[in-house]
Amino acid sequence: VVEELAIKVFEWRQTGLPVGLIASMFGPLRLPQGERSRFFN
């Protein structure tokens, strides 16, 4: 999931489509604390 979310952020910056932004905003809520920190850092 953490890598899929990174891809969605990359896609959002590339295309401007909202789905990537939405996924990257709410997807991290499903991550365990350690992976959530790894994603944001």
PDB file of all heavy atoms in Angstrom:
ATOM      1  N   VAL A   1       0.824  -1.206   0.000  1.00  0.00           N
ATOM      2  CA  VAL A   1       0.000   0.000   0.000  1.00  0.00           C
ATOM      3  C   VAL A   1       0.859   1.257   0.000  1.00  0.00           C
ATOM      4  O   VAL A   1       0.571   2.217  -0.711  1.00  0.00           O
ATOM      5  CB  VAL A   1      -0.973  -0.002   1.205  1.00  0.00           C
ATOM      6  CG1 VAL A   1      -1.623   1.365   1.372  1.00  0.00           C
ATOM      7  CG2 VAL A   1      -2.049  -1.061   1.009  1.00  0.00           C
ATOM      8  N   VAL A   2       1.938   1.271   0.779  1.00  0.00           N
ATOM      9  CA  VAL A   2       2.763   2.475   0.854  1.00  0.00           C
ATOM     10  C   VAL A   2       3.378   2.789  -0.511  1.00  0.00           C
ATOM     11  O   VAL A   2       3.488   3.963  -0.908  1.00  0.00           O
ATOM     12  CB  VAL A   2       3.856   2.330   1.945  1.00  0.00           C
ATOM     13  CG1 VAL A   2       4.903   1.302   1.556  1.00  0.00           C
ATOM     14  CG2 VAL A   2       4.515   3.674   2.244  1.00  0.00           C
ATOM     15  N   GLU A   3       3.727   1.747  -1.274  1.00  0.00           N
ATOM     16  CA  GLU A   3       4.296   1.977  -2.601  1.00  0.00           C
ATOM     17  C   GLU A   3       3.220   2.357  -3.611  1.00  0.00           C
ATOM     18  O   GLU A   3       3.442   3.191  -4.495  1.00  0.00           O
ATOM     19  CB  GLU A   3       5.067   0.732  -3.045  1.00  0.00           C
ATOM     20  CG  GLU A   3       6.343   0.538  -2.248  1.00  0.00           C
ATOM     21  CD  GLU A   3       6.961  -0.834  -2.438  1.00  0.00           C
ATOM     22  OE1 GLU A   3       6.291  -1.837  -2.111  1.00  0.00           O
ATOM     23  OE2 GLU A   3       8.105  -0.901  -2.908  1.00  0.00           O
ATOM     24  N   GLU A   4       2.034   1.761  -3.487  1.00  0.00           N
ATOM     25  CA  GLU A   4       0.921   2.162  -4.349  1.00  0.00           C
ATOM     26  C   GLU A   4       0.572   3.630  -4.127  1.00  0.00           C
ATOM     27  O   GLU A   4       0.294   4.366  -5.071  1.00  0.00           O
ATOM     28  CB  GLU A   4      -0.307   1.287  -4.072  1.00  0.00           C
ATOM     29  CG  GLU A   4      -0.219  -0.139  -4.578  1.00  0.00           C
ATOM     30  CD  GLU A   4      -0.439  -0.249  -6.084  1.00  0.00           C
ATOM     31  OE1 GLU A   4      -0.622   0.791  -6.748  1.00  0.00           O
ATOM     32  OE2 GLU A   4      -0.412  -1.381  -6.596  1.00  0.00           O
ATOM     33  N   LEU A   5       0.587   4.066  -2.871  1.00  0.00           N
ATOM     34  CA  LEU A   5       0.283   5.463  -2.579  1.00  0.00           C
ATOM     35  C   LEU A   5       1.335   6.390  -3.175  1.00  0.00           C
ATOM     36  O   LEU A   5       1.014   7.474  -3.678  1.00  0.00           O
ATOM     37  CB  LEU A   5       0.182   5.670  -1.066  1.00  0.00           C
ATOM     38  CG  LEU A   5      -1.035   5.021  -0.391  1.00  0.00           C
ATOM     39  CD1 LEU A   5      -0.937   5.165   1.124  1.00  0.00           C
ATOM     40  CD2 LEU A   5      -2.328   5.651  -0.894  1.00  0.00           C
ATOM     41  N   ALA A   6       2.588   5.969  -3.140  1.00  0.00           N
ATOM     42  CA  ALA A   6       3.642   6.773  -3.757  1.00  0.00           C
ATOM     43  C   ALA A   6       3.408   6.902  -5.255  1.00  0.00           C
ATOM     44  O   ALA A   6       3.592   7.984  -5.841  1.00  0.00           O
ATOM     45  CB  ALA A   6       5.012   6.145  -3.484  1.00  0.00           C
ATOM     46  N   ILE A   7       2.985   5.822  -5.900  1.00  0.00           N
ATOM     47  CA  ILE A   7       2.672   5.861  -7.328  1.00  0.00           C
ATOM     48  C   ILE A   7       1.520   6.832  -7.590  1.00  0.00           C
ATOM     49  O   ILE A   7       1.542   7.606  -8.559  1.00  0.00           O
ATOM     50  CB  ILE A   7       2.306   4.458  -7.842  1.00  0.00           C
ATOM     51  CG1 ILE A   7       3.525   3.533  -7.801  1.00  0.00           C
ATOM     52  CG2 ILE A   7       1.742   4.526  -9.256  1.00  0.00           C
ATOM     53  CD1 ILE A   7       4.548   3.781  -8.864  1.00  0.00           C
ATOM     54  N   LYS A   8       0.496   6.798  -6.732  1.00  0.00           N
ATOM     55  CA  LYS A   8      -0.648   7.692  -6.932  1.00  0.00           C
ATOM     56  C   LYS A   8      -0.240   9.153  -6.801  1.00  0.00           C
ATOM     57  O   LYS A   8      -0.746  10.008  -7.534  1.00  0.00           O
ATOM     58  CB  LYS A   8      -1.766   7.376  -5.944  1.00  0.00           C
ATOM     59  CG  LYS A   8      -2.340   5.984  -6.034  1.00  0.00           C
ATOM     60  CD  LYS A   8      -2.675   5.564  -7.434  1.00  0.00           C
ATOM     61  CE  LYS A   8      -3.876   6.280  -8.027  1.00  0.00           C
ATOM     62  NZ  LYS A   8      -4.218   5.736  -9.374  1.00  0.00           N
ATOM     63  N   VAL A   9       0.671   9.466  -5.876  1.00  0.00           N
ATOM     64  CA  VAL A   9       1.163  10.845  -5.754  1.00  0.00           C
ATOM     65  C   VAL A   9       1.925  11.237  -7.023  1.00  0.00           C
ATOM     66  O   VAL A   9       1.737  12.327  -7.562  1.00  0.00           O
ATOM     67  CB  VAL A   9       2.072  10.986  -4.515  1.00  0.00           C
ATOM     68  CG1 VAL A   9       2.725  12.366  -4.483  1.00  0.00           C
ATOM     69  CG2 VAL A   9       1.274  10.754  -3.237  1.00  0.00           C
ATOM     70  N   PHE A  10       2.789  10.339  -7.493  1.00  0.00           N
ATOM     71  CA  PHE A  10       3.529  10.581  -8.737  1.00  0.00           C
ATOM     72  C   PHE A  10       2.563  10.833  -9.890  1.00  0.00           C
ATOM     73  O   PHE A  10       2.722  11.788 -10.673  1.00  0.00           O
ATOM     74  CB  PHE A  10       4.423   9.382  -9.033  1.00  0.00           C
ATOM     75  CG  PHE A  10       5.169   9.465 -10.337  1.00  0.00           C
ATOM     76  CD1 PHE A  10       6.394  10.112 -10.407  1.00  0.00           C
ATOM     77  CD2 PHE A  10       4.637   8.904 -11.492  1.00  0.00           C
ATOM     78  CE1 PHE A  10       7.087  10.199 -11.619  1.00  0.00           C
ATOM     79  CE2 PHE A  10       5.317   8.978 -12.700  1.00  0.00           C
ATOM     80  CZ  PHE A  10       6.534   9.625 -12.767  1.00  0.00           C
ATOM     81  N   GLU A  11       1.544   9.999 -10.008  1.00  0.00           N
ATOM     82  CA  GLU A  11       0.560  10.152 -11.084  1.00  0.00           C
ATOM     83  C   GLU A  11      -0.201  11.475 -10.962  1.00  0.00           C
ATOM     84  O   GLU A  11      -0.472  12.145 -11.968  1.00  0.00           O
ATOM     85  CB  GLU A  11      -0.426   8.985 -11.050  1.00  0.00           C
ATOM     86  CG  GLU A  11       0.180   7.650 -11.436  1.00  0.00           C
ATOM     87  CD  GLU A  11      -0.792   6.504 -11.276  1.00  0.00           C
ATOM     88  OE1 GLU A  11      -1.819   6.672 -10.570  1.00  0.00           O
ATOM     89  OE2 GLU A  11      -0.538   5.426 -11.853  1.00  0.00           O
ATOM     90  N   TRP A  12      -0.555  11.841  -9.745  1.00  0.00           N
ATOM     91  CA  TRP A  12      -1.274  13.101  -9.546  1.00  0.00           C
ATOM     92  C   TRP A  12      -0.431  14.289  -9.989  1.00  0.00           C
ATOM     93  O   TRP A  12      -0.918  15.181 -10.693  1.00  0.00           O
ATOM     94  CB  TRP A  12      -1.663  13.248  -8.075  1.00  0.00           C
ATOM     95  CG  TRP A  12      -2.159  14.619  -7.727  1.00  0.00           C
ATOM     96  CD1 TRP A  12      -3.178  15.303  -8.321  1.00  0.00           C
ATOM     97  CD2 TRP A  12      -1.629  15.477  -6.705  1.00  0.00           C
ATOM     98  NE1 TRP A  12      -3.327  16.540  -7.736  1.00  0.00           N
ATOM     99  CE2 TRP A  12      -2.386  16.675  -6.739  1.00  0.00           C
ATOM    100  CE3 TRP A  12      -0.615  15.346  -5.769  1.00  0.00           C
ATOM    101  CZ2 TRP A  12      -2.136  17.727  -5.865  1.00  0.00           C
ATOM    102  CZ3 TRP A  12      -0.379  16.395  -4.898  1.00  0.00           C
ATOM    103  CH2 TRP A  12      -1.128  17.570  -4.956  1.00  0.00           C
ATOM    104  N   ARG A  13       0.844  14.318  -9.618  1.00  0.00           N
ATOM    105  CA  ARG A  13       1.703  15.424 -10.020  1.00  0.00           C
ATOM    106  C   ARG A  13       1.912  15.426 -11.530  1.00  0.00           C
ATOM    107  O   ARG A  13       2.116  16.471 -12.136  1.00  0.00           O
ATOM    108  CB  ARG A  13       3.061  15.343  -9.304  1.00  0.00           C
ATOM    109  CG  ARG A  13       2.976  15.447  -7.791  1.00  0.00           C
ATOM    110  CD  ARG A  13       2.141  16.617  -7.344  1.00  0.00           C
ATOM    111  NE  ARG A  13       2.665  17.886  -7.865  1.00  0.00           N
ATOM    112  CZ  ARG A  13       1.944  18.993  -8.005  1.00  0.00           C
ATOM    113  NH1 ARG A  13       0.655  18.998  -7.710  1.00  0.00           N
ATOM    114  NH2 ARG A  13       2.506  20.092  -8.458  1.00  0.00           N
ATOM    115  N   GLN A  14       1.856  14.263 -12.139  1.00  0.00           N
ATOM    116  CA  GLN A  14       2.037  14.161 -13.584  1.00  0.00           C
ATOM    117  C   GLN A  14       0.788  14.570 -14.360  1.00  0.00           C
ATOM    118  O   GLN A  14       0.876  15.275 -15.363  1.00  0.00           O
ATOM    119  CB  GLN A  14       2.410  12.722 -13.956  1.00  0.00           C
ATOM    120  CG  GLN A  14       3.874  12.393 -13.731  1.00  0.00           C
ATOM    121  CD  GLN A  14       4.706  12.696 -14.965  1.00  0.00           C
ATOM    122  OE1 GLN A  14       4.388  12.273 -16.071  1.00  0.00           O
ATOM    123  NE2 GLN A  14       5.777  13.443 -14.779  1.00  0.00           N
ATOM    124  N   THR A  15      -0.375  14.117 -13.922  1.00  0.00           N
ATOM    125  CA  THR A  15      -1.593  14.251 -14.720  1.00  0.00           C
ATOM    126  C   THR A  15      -2.568  15.299 -14.228  1.00  0.00           C
ATOM    127  O   THR A  15      -3.380  15.793 -15.009  1.00  0.00           O
ATOM    128  CB  THR A  15      -2.346  12.905 -14.765  1.00  0.00           C
ATOM    129  OG1 THR A  15      -2.841  12.601 -13.438  1.00  0.00           O
ATOM    130  CG2 THR A  15      -1.430  11.767 -15.226  1.00  0.00           C
ATOM    131  N   GLY A  16      -2.536  15.608 -12.939  1.00  0.00           N
ATOM    132  CA  GLY A  16      -3.513  16.534 -12.382  1.00  0.00           C
ATOM    133  C   GLY A  16      -4.863  15.904 -12.100  1.00  0.00           C
ATOM    134  O   GLY A  16      -5.791  16.610 -11.687  1.00  0.00           O
ATOM    135  N   LEU A  17      -5.012  14.594 -12.284  1.00  0.00           N
ATOM    136  CA  LEU A  17      -6.295  13.940 -12.028  1.00  0.00           C
ATOM    137  C   LEU A  17      -6.530  13.808 -10.522  1.00  0.00           C
ATOM    138  O   LEU A  17      -5.627  13.397  -9.784  1.00  0.00           O
ATOM    139  CB  LEU A  17      -6.334  12.559 -12.684  1.00  0.00           C
ATOM    140  CG  LEU A  17      -6.250  12.539 -14.218  1.00  0.00           C
ATOM    141  CD1 LEU A  17      -6.297  11.102 -14.720  1.00  0.00           C
ATOM    142  CD2 LEU A  17      -7.361  13.368 -14.843  1.00  0.00           C
ATOM    143  N   PRO A  18      -7.736  14.120 -10.056  1.00  0.00           N
ATOM    144  CA  PRO A  18      -7.994  14.137  -8.609  1.00  0.00           C
ATOM    145  C   PRO A  18      -7.859  12.796  -7.908  1.00  0.00           C
ATOM    146  O   PRO A  18      -7.603  12.759  -6.706  1.00  0.00           O
ATOM    147  CB  PRO A  18      -9.442  14.641  -8.512  1.00  0.00           C
ATOM    148  CG  PRO A  18      -9.702  15.330  -9.809  1.00  0.00           C
ATOM    149  CD  PRO A  18      -8.887  14.599 -10.830  1.00  0.00           C
ATOM    150  N   VAL A  19      -8.043  11.671  -8.624  1.00  0.00           N
ATOM    151  CA  VAL A  19      -8.047  10.378  -7.954  1.00  0.00           C
ATOM    152  C   VAL A  19      -6.731  10.124  -7.228  1.00  0.00           C
ATOM    153  O   VAL A  19      -6.721   9.550  -6.129  1.00  0.00           O
ATOM    154  CB  VAL A  19      -8.354   9.233  -8.950  1.00  0.00           C
ATOM    155  CG1 VAL A  19      -7.277   9.114 -10.024  1.00  0.00           C
ATOM    156  CG2 VAL A  19      -8.530   7.911  -8.215  1.00  0.00           C
ATOM    157  N   GLY A  20      -5.622  10.574  -7.795  1.00  0.00           N
ATOM    158  CA  GLY A  20      -4.340  10.387  -7.130  1.00  0.00           C
ATOM    159  C   GLY A  20      -4.243  11.178  -5.845  1.00  0.00           C
ATOM    160  O   GLY A  20      -3.721  10.695  -4.833  1.00  0.00           O
ATOM    161  N   LEU A  21      -4.753  12.412  -5.868  1.00  0.00           N
ATOM    162  CA  LEU A  21      -4.739  13.252  -4.675  1.00  0.00           C
ATOM    163  C   LEU A  21      -5.642  12.658  -3.591  1.00  0.00           C
ATOM    164  O   LEU A  21      -5.255  12.594  -2.415  1.00  0.00           O
ATOM    165  CB  LEU A  21      -5.199  14.658  -5.036  1.00  0.00           C
ATOM    166  CG  LEU A  21      -5.331  15.649  -3.876  1.00  0.00           C
ATOM    167  CD1 LEU A  21      -3.983  15.857  -3.191  1.00  0.00           C
ATOM    168  CD2 LEU A  21      -5.899  16.981  -4.368  1.00  0.00           C
ATOM    169  N   ILE A  22      -6.827  12.198  -3.991  1.00  0.00           N
ATOM    170  CA  ILE A  22      -7.764  11.624  -3.020  1.00  0.00           C
ATOM    171  C   ILE A  22      -7.164  10.382  -2.367  1.00  0.00           C
ATOM    172  O   ILE A  22      -7.218  10.214  -1.141  1.00  0.00           O
ATOM    173  CB  ILE A  22      -9.100  11.283  -3.713  1.00  0.00           C
ATOM    174  CG1 ILE A  22      -9.778  12.568  -4.212  1.00  0.00           C
ATOM    175  CG2 ILE A  22     -10.029  10.529  -2.765  1.00  0.00           C
ATOM    176  CD1 ILE A  22     -10.973  12.323  -5.109  1.00  0.00           C
ATOM    177  N   ALA A  23      -6.575   9.510  -3.182  1.00  0.00           N
ATOM    178  CA  ALA A  23      -5.977   8.284  -2.648  1.00  0.00           C
ATOM    179  C   ALA A  23      -4.832   8.589  -1.699  1.00  0.00           C
ATOM    180  O   ALA A  23      -4.691   7.962  -0.647  1.00  0.00           O
ATOM    181  CB  ALA A  23      -5.495   7.402  -3.795  1.00  0.00           C
ATOM    182  N   SER A  24      -4.009   9.590  -2.043  1.00  0.00           N
ATOM    183  CA  SER A  24      -2.848   9.895  -1.207  1.00  0.00           C
ATOM    184  C   SER A  24      -3.243  10.628   0.076  1.00  0.00           C
ATOM    185  O   SER A  24      -2.496  10.626   1.050  1.00  0.00           O
ATOM    186  CB  SER A  24      -1.841  10.738  -1.994  1.00  0.00           C
ATOM    187  OG  SER A  24      -2.407  11.968  -2.412  1.00  0.00           O
ATOM    188  N   MET A  25      -4.428  11.250   0.086  1.00  0.00           N
ATOM    189  CA  MET A  25      -4.898  11.924   1.295  1.00  0.00           C
ATOM    190  C   MET A  25      -5.475  10.939   2.311  1.00  0.00           C
ATOM    191  O   MET A  25      -5.220  11.042   3.504  1.00  0.00           O
ATOM    192  CB  MET A  25      -5.955  12.972   0.940  1.00  0.00           C
ATOM    193  CG  MET A  25      -5.403  14.219   0.251  1.00  0.00           C
ATOM    194  SD  MET A  25      -6.723  15.356  -0.250  1.00  0.00           S
ATOM    195  CE  MET A  25      -7.454  15.767   1.343  1.00  0.00           C
ATOM    196  N   PHE A  26      -6.259   9.988   1.826  1.00  0.00           N
ATOM    197  CA  PHE A  26      -6.972   9.098   2.734  1.00  0.00           C
ATOM    198  C   PHE A  26      -6.327   7.720   2.856  1.00  0.00           C
ATOM    199  O   PHE A  26      -6.528   7.028   3.857  1.00  0.00           O
ATOM    200  CB  PHE A  26      -8.434   8.957   2.291  1.00  0.00           C
ATOM    201  CG  PHE A  26      -9.202  10.247   2.388  1.00  0.00           C
ATOM    202  CD1 PHE A  26      -9.424  11.026   1.259  1.00  0.00           C
ATOM    203  CD2 PHE A  26      -9.666  10.691   3.611  1.00  0.00           C
ATOM    204  CE1 PHE A  26     -10.122  12.225   1.344  1.00  0.00           C
ATOM    205  CE2 PHE A  26     -10.361  11.892   3.710  1.00  0.00           C
ATOM    206  CZ  PHE A  26     -10.589  12.663   2.576  1.00  0.00           C
ATOM    207  N   GLY A  27      -5.558   7.302   1.844  1.00  0.00           N
ATOM    208  CA  GLY A  27      -4.904   6.004   1.895  1.00  0.00           C
ATOM    209  C   GLY A  27      -3.993   5.814   3.094  1.00  0.00           C
ATOM    210  O   GLY A  27      -3.987   4.732   3.699  1.00  0.00           O
ATOM    211  N   PRO A  28      -3.194   6.822   3.474  1.00  0.00           N
ATOM    212  CA  PRO A  28      -2.291   6.634   4.622  1.00  0.00           C
ATOM    213  C   PRO A  28      -2.999   6.301   5.928  1.00  0.00           C
ATOM    214  O   PRO A  28      -2.374   5.763   6.849  1.00  0.00           O
ATOM    215  CB  PRO A  28      -1.571   7.990   4.717  1.00  0.00           C
ATOM    216  CG  PRO A  28      -1.581   8.518   3.323  1.00  0.00           C
ATOM    217  CD  PRO A  28      -2.915   8.085   2.768  1.00  0.00           C
ATOM    218  N   LEU A  29      -4.301   6.588   6.032  1.00  0.00           N
ATOM    219  CA  LEU A  29      -5.023   6.273   7.256  1.00  0.00           C
ATOM    220  C   LEU A  29      -5.110   4.769   7.488  1.00  0.00           C
ATOM    221  O   LEU A  29      -5.322   4.326   8.618  1.00  0.00           O
ATOM    222  CB  LEU A  29      -6.438   6.876   7.206  1.00  0.00           C
ATOM    223  CG  LEU A  29      -6.509   8.408   7.139  1.00  0.00           C
ATOM    224  CD1 LEU A  29      -7.947   8.861   6.986  1.00  0.00           C
ATOM    225  CD2 LEU A  29      -5.873   9.035   8.372  1.00  0.00           C
ATOM    226  N   ARG A  30      -4.925   3.990   6.435  1.00  0.00           N
ATOM    227  CA  ARG A  30      -4.985   2.541   6.568  1.00  0.00           C
ATOM    228  C   ARG A  30      -3.636   1.936   6.954  1.00  0.00           C
ATOM    229  O   ARG A  30      -3.557   0.746   7.257  1.00  0.00           O
ATOM    230  CB  ARG A  30      -5.446   1.909   5.246  1.00  0.00           C
ATOM    231  CG  ARG A  30      -6.873   2.231   4.851  1.00  0.00           C
ATOM    232  CD  ARG A  30      -7.277   1.408   3.639  1.00  0.00           C
ATOM    233  NE  ARG A  30      -7.114  -0.019   3.875  1.00  0.00           N
ATOM    234  CZ  ARG A  30      -8.029  -0.800   4.448  1.00  0.00           C
ATOM    235  NH1 ARG A  30      -9.179  -0.271   4.831  1.00  0.00           N
ATOM    236  NH2 ARG A  30      -7.810  -2.083   4.621  1.00  0.00           N
ATOM    237  N   LEU A  31      -2.578   2.728   6.915  1.00  0.00           N
ATOM    238  CA  LEU A  31      -1.240   2.203   7.161  1.00  0.00           C
ATOM    239  C   LEU A  31      -0.940   2.077   8.651  1.00  0.00           C
ATOM    240  O   LEU A  31      -1.361   2.920   9.446  1.00  0.00           O
ATOM    241  CB  LEU A  31      -0.193   3.117   6.522  1.00  0.00           C
ATOM    242  CG  LEU A  31      -0.205   3.250   4.997  1.00  0.00           C
ATOM    243  CD1 LEU A  31       0.795   4.313   4.561  1.00  0.00           C
ATOM    244  CD2 LEU A  31       0.101   1.916   4.340  1.00  0.00           C
ATOM    245  N   PRO A  32      -0.180   1.068   9.047  1.00  0.00           N
ATOM    246  CA  PRO A  32       0.343   1.025  10.410  1.00  0.00           C
ATOM    247  C   PRO A  32       1.242   2.233  10.646  1.00  0.00           C
ATOM    248  O   PRO A  32       1.753   2.831   9.688  1.00  0.00           O
ATOM    249  CB  PRO A  32       1.153  -0.282  10.431  1.00  0.00           C
ATOM    250  CG  PRO A  32       0.648  -1.083   9.290  1.00  0.00           C
ATOM    251  CD  PRO A  32       0.219  -0.112   8.251  1.00  0.00           C
ATOM    252  N   GLN A  33       1.444   2.600  11.900  1.00  0.00           N
ATOM    253  CA  GLN A  33       2.185   3.810  12.231  1.00  0.00           C
ATOM    254  C   GLN A  33       3.564   3.852  11.568  1.00  0.00           C
ATOM    255  O   GLN A  33       3.979   4.880  11.032  1.00  0.00           O
ATOM    256  CB  GLN A  33       2.334   3.937  13.746  1.00  0.00           C
ATOM    257  CG  GLN A  33       3.105   5.181  14.202  1.00  0.00           C
ATOM    258  CD  GLN A  33       2.433   6.464  13.752  1.00  0.00           C
ATOM    259  OE1 GLN A  33       1.215   6.603  13.859  1.00  0.00           O
ATOM    260  NE2 GLN A  33       3.218   7.403  13.227  1.00  0.00           N
ATOM    261  N   GLY A  34       4.270   2.730  11.581  1.00  0.00           N
ATOM    262  CA  GLY A  34       5.619   2.715  11.017  1.00  0.00           C
ATOM    263  C   GLY A  34       5.623   3.000   9.529  1.00  0.00           C
ATOM    264  O   GLY A  34       6.433   3.795   9.028  1.00  0.00           O
ATOM    265  N   GLU A  35       4.711   2.371   8.784  1.00  0.00           N
ATOM    266  CA  GLU A  35       4.651   2.592   7.350  1.00  0.00           C
ATOM    267  C   GLU A  35       4.110   3.984   7.035  1.00  0.00           C
ATOM    268  O   GLU A  35       4.484   4.594   6.038  1.00  0.00           O
ATOM    269  CB  GLU A  35       3.805   1.514   6.683  1.00  0.00           C
ATOM    270  CG  GLU A  35       4.455   0.154   6.674  1.00  0.00           C
ATOM    271  CD  GLU A  35       3.895  -0.749   5.588  1.00  0.00           C
ATOM    272  OE1 GLU A  35       2.986  -0.309   4.857  1.00  0.00           O
ATOM    273  OE2 GLU A  35       4.372  -1.884   5.482  1.00  0.00           O
ATOM    274  N   ARG A  36       3.217   4.489   7.882  1.00  0.00           N
ATOM    275  CA  ARG A  36       2.699   5.844   7.669  1.00  0.00           C
ATOM    276  C   ARG A  36       3.823   6.863   7.779  1.00  0.00           C
ATOM    277  O   ARG A  36       3.944   7.783   6.961  1.00  0.00           O
ATOM    278  CB  ARG A  36       1.601   6.149   8.681  1.00  0.00           C
ATOM    279  CG  ARG A  36       0.797   7.421   8.360  1.00  0.00           C
ATOM    280  CD  ARG A  36      -0.256   7.676   9.420  1.00  0.00           C
ATOM    281  NE  ARG A  36      -1.083   6.508   9.644  1.00  0.00           N
ATOM    282  CZ  ARG A  36      -1.364   6.014  10.825  1.00  0.00           C
ATOM    283  NH1 ARG A  36      -0.874   6.571  11.917  1.00  0.00           N
ATOM    284  NH2 ARG A  36      -2.131   4.954  10.943  1.00  0.00           N
ATOM    285  N   SER A  37       4.678   6.695   8.763  1.00  0.00           N
ATOM    286  CA  SER A  37       5.820   7.593   8.921  1.00  0.00           C
ATOM    287  C   SER A  37       6.774   7.472   7.742  1.00  0.00           C
ATOM    288  O   SER A  37       7.293   8.474   7.234  1.00  0.00           O
ATOM    289  CB  SER A  37       6.570   7.281  10.224  1.00  0.00           C
ATOM    290  OG  SER A  37       5.736   7.477  11.343  1.00  0.00           O
ATOM    291  N   ARG A  38       6.979   6.232   7.296  1.00  0.00           N
ATOM    292  CA  ARG A  38       7.859   6.007   6.157  1.00  0.00           C
ATOM    293  C   ARG A  38       7.307   6.679   4.896  1.00  0.00           C
ATOM    294  O   ARG A  38       8.044   7.248   4.093  1.00  0.00           O
ATOM    295  CB  ARG A  38       8.011   4.492   5.936  1.00  0.00           C
ATOM    296  CG  ARG A  38       9.209   4.087   5.110  1.00  0.00           C
ATOM    297  CD  ARG A  38       9.640   2.667   5.453  1.00  0.00           C
ATOM    298  NE  ARG A  38       8.585   1.696   5.254  1.00  0.00           N
ATOM    299  CZ  ARG A  38       8.470   0.930   4.167  1.00  0.00           C
ATOM    300  NH1 ARG A  38       9.349   1.058   3.195  1.00  0.00           N
ATOM    301  NH2 ARG A  38       7.518   0.042   4.064  1.00  0.00           N
ATOM    302  N   PHE A  39       5.992   6.633   4.740  1.00  0.00           N
ATOM    303  CA  PHE A  39       5.364   7.264   3.577  1.00  0.00           C
ATOM    304  C   PHE A  39       5.576   8.773   3.594  1.00  0.00           C
ATOM    305  O   PHE A  39       6.020   9.370   2.609  1.00  0.00           O
ATOM    306  CB  PHE A  39       3.870   6.940   3.543  1.00  0.00           C
ATOM    307  CG  PHE A  39       3.113   7.697   2.479  1.00  0.00           C
ATOM    308  CD1 PHE A  39       3.254   7.361   1.142  1.00  0.00           C
ATOM    309  CD2 PHE A  39       2.281   8.759   2.819  1.00  0.00           C
ATOM    310  CE1 PHE A  39       2.568   8.070   0.159  1.00  0.00           C
ATOM    311  CE2 PHE A  39       1.591   9.469   1.855  1.00  0.00           C
ATOM    312  CZ  PHE A  39       1.734   9.128   0.516  1.00  0.00           C
ATOM    313  N   PHE A  40       5.259   9.412   4.731  1.00  0.00           N
ATOM    314  CA  PHE A  40       5.346  10.870   4.792  1.00  0.00           C
ATOM    315  C   PHE A  40       6.788  11.374   4.790  1.00  0.00           C
ATOM    316  O   PHE A  40       7.070  12.448   4.255  1.00  0.00           O
ATOM    317  CB  PHE A  40       4.610  11.385   6.031  1.00  0.00           C
ATOM    318  CG  PHE A  40       3.118  11.372   5.892  1.00  0.00           C
ATOM    319  CD1 PHE A  40       2.344  10.522   6.682  1.00  0.00           C
ATOM    320  CD2 PHE A  40       2.477  12.183   4.978  1.00  0.00           C
ATOM    321  CE1 PHE A  40       0.968  10.495   6.552  1.00  0.00           C
ATOM    322  CE2 PHE A  40       1.095  12.167   4.838  1.00  0.00           C
ATOM    323  CZ  PHE A  40       0.332  11.315   5.626  1.00  0.00           C
ATOM    324  N   ASN A  41       7.710  10.603   5.367  1.00  0.00           N
ATOM    325  CA  ASN A  41       9.098  11.061   5.467  1.00  0.00           C
ATOM    326  C   ASN A  41       9.930  10.780   4.223  1.00  0.00           C
ATOM    327  O   ASN A  41      10.860  11.538   3.920  1.00  0.00           O
ATOM    328  CB  ASN A  41       9.776  10.420   6.685  1.00  0.00           C
ATOM    329  CG  ASN A  41       9.177  10.895   7.988  1.00  0.00           C
ATOM    330  OD1 ASN A  41       8.650  11.992   8.078  1.00  0.00           O
ATOM    331  ND2 ASN A  41       9.242  10.051   9.012  1.00  0.00           N
TER     332      ASN A  41
END
